[in-house]
Protein backbone atom coordinates (compact mmCIF):
# COMPACT_ATOMS: atom_id res chain seq x y z
CA MET A 1 -63.80 -36.82 5.70
CA ASP A 2 -62.57 -39.60 4.01
CA PHE A 3 -60.64 -37.55 1.81
CA LEU A 4 -58.61 -35.76 4.33
CA ASN A 5 -57.85 -39.14 5.86
CA LEU A 6 -56.11 -40.15 2.56
CA PHE A 7 -54.82 -36.86 1.60
CA LEU A 8 -53.35 -35.36 4.79
CA PRO A 9 -50.94 -38.55 5.02
CA THR A 10 -49.82 -38.80 1.59
CA CYS A 11 -48.69 -34.91 1.74
CA LEU A 12 -46.92 -35.83 4.91
CA TYR A 13 -45.40 -38.92 3.19
CA ILE A 14 -44.31 -36.83 0.32
CA VAL A 15 -42.78 -33.90 2.34
CA VAL A 16 -40.99 -36.56 4.62
CA ILE A 17 -39.47 -38.24 1.48
CA ILE A 18 -38.41 -34.82 0.04
CA LEU A 19 -37.03 -33.57 3.48
CA VAL A 20 -34.99 -36.89 3.49
CA ILE A 21 -33.25 -36.35 -0.03
CA VAL A 22 -32.57 -32.87 0.90
CA LEU A 23 -30.81 -34.06 4.03
CA ILE A 24 -28.73 -36.81 2.06
CA VAL A 25 -27.79 -34.01 -0.58
CA LEU A 26 -26.62 -31.71 2.06
CA GLY A 27 -24.72 -34.33 3.93
CA ILE A 28 -22.78 -35.40 0.93
CA LYS A 29 -22.07 -31.59 0.24
CA ALA A 30 -20.85 -31.40 3.97
CA ILE A 31 -18.59 -34.49 3.69
CA GLU A 32 -17.04 -33.06 0.21
CA THR A 33 -16.16 -29.86 1.92
CA LEU A 34 -14.81 -31.39 5.01
CA ASP A 35 -12.55 -33.50 2.74
CA ARG A 36 -11.16 -29.99 1.03
CA VAL A 37 -10.84 -28.83 4.55
CA ASN A 38 -8.91 -31.76 5.73
CA LYS A 39 -6.65 -31.50 2.29
CA ILE A 40 -6.00 -27.65 2.64
CA ALA A 41 -5.17 -28.16 6.29
CA GLY A 42 -2.77 -30.74 5.53
CA ASP A 43 -0.74 -28.60 2.98
CA VAL A 44 -0.74 -25.69 5.66
CA GLU A 45 0.62 -27.98 8.09
CA LYS A 46 3.43 -29.29 5.89
CA LYS A 47 4.43 -26.01 4.81
CA LEU A 48 4.76 -24.83 8.60
CA SER A 49 6.94 -27.83 9.40
CA SER A 50 9.05 -26.77 6.65
CA LEU A 51 9.37 -23.31 8.22
CA ASN A 52 10.19 -24.64 11.94
CA GLY A 53 14.10 -24.30 11.14
CA PHE A 54 13.73 -20.71 10.08
CA PHE A 55 11.61 -20.02 13.25
CA SER A 56 14.40 -21.58 15.40
CA ILE A 57 16.99 -19.78 13.74
CA ILE A 58 15.11 -16.59 14.54
CA ASP A 59 14.03 -17.51 18.07
CA LEU A 60 17.70 -17.96 18.59
CA PHE A 61 19.01 -15.21 17.28
CA THR A 62 16.74 -13.17 19.19
CA ASP A 63 17.73 -14.80 22.30
CA LYS A 64 21.24 -14.12 21.71
CA VAL A 65 20.32 -10.19 21.13
CA SER A 66 18.46 -10.05 24.44
CA MET A 67 21.32 -11.62 26.37
CA VAL A 68 23.71 -8.92 24.95
CA SER A 69 21.34 -6.33 25.30
CA ASP A 70 20.90 -7.04 28.85
CA ALA A 71 24.63 -7.53 29.62
CA ILE A 72 25.18 -3.89 28.29
CA ILE A 73 22.27 -2.29 30.24
CA THR A 74 23.58 -4.26 33.40
CA ALA A 75 27.42 -2.87 32.68
CA VAL A 76 25.79 0.70 31.99
CA SER A 77 23.60 0.60 34.93
CA ASN A 78 26.66 -0.45 37.32
CA THR A 79 29.12 2.34 35.93
CA ILE A 80 26.38 5.04 36.71
CA SER A 81 25.62 3.50 40.17
CA LYS A 82 29.38 3.25 40.91
CA LEU A 83 29.84 7.22 39.64
CA PHE A 84 27.12 8.19 42.08
CA ILE A 85 28.39 6.24 45.16
CA ARG A 86 31.72 7.86 44.62
CA LYS A 87 30.33 11.37 44.66
CA ARG A 88 28.27 10.71 47.76
CA LYS A 89 31.55 9.41 49.26
CA GLU A 90 33.55 12.43 48.29
CA ASN A 91 30.64 14.91 49.44
CA ASP A 92 30.66 12.75 53.08
CA GLU A 93 34.68 12.80 53.28
CA ASN A 94 34.23 16.73 52.63
CA GLY A 95 31.83 17.27 55.55
CA LYS A 96 28.63 17.82 53.05
CA GLU A 97 25.91 16.14 53.22
CA ALA A 98 25.03 13.37 50.75
């Protein structure tokens, strides 16, 4: 019994010391990994900020194309609706139902 009272606490202390050492090593590795990730994220952010002008030009171009296509579609639909309205008026004047 005296042997167990001496052996078990010693084993537990050794296991705790090993666990603390492993956790310290893992913590250091995690810090190094986070530093590399932060460096990569900074590089990506710098490269994206250099492309902001290009993306704003593309955005402006698509807005202008959208405005032009909206104007064309509006003009075509107005022309078509005027043609149908004229046909109905002509049919009504001749006495036929629209």
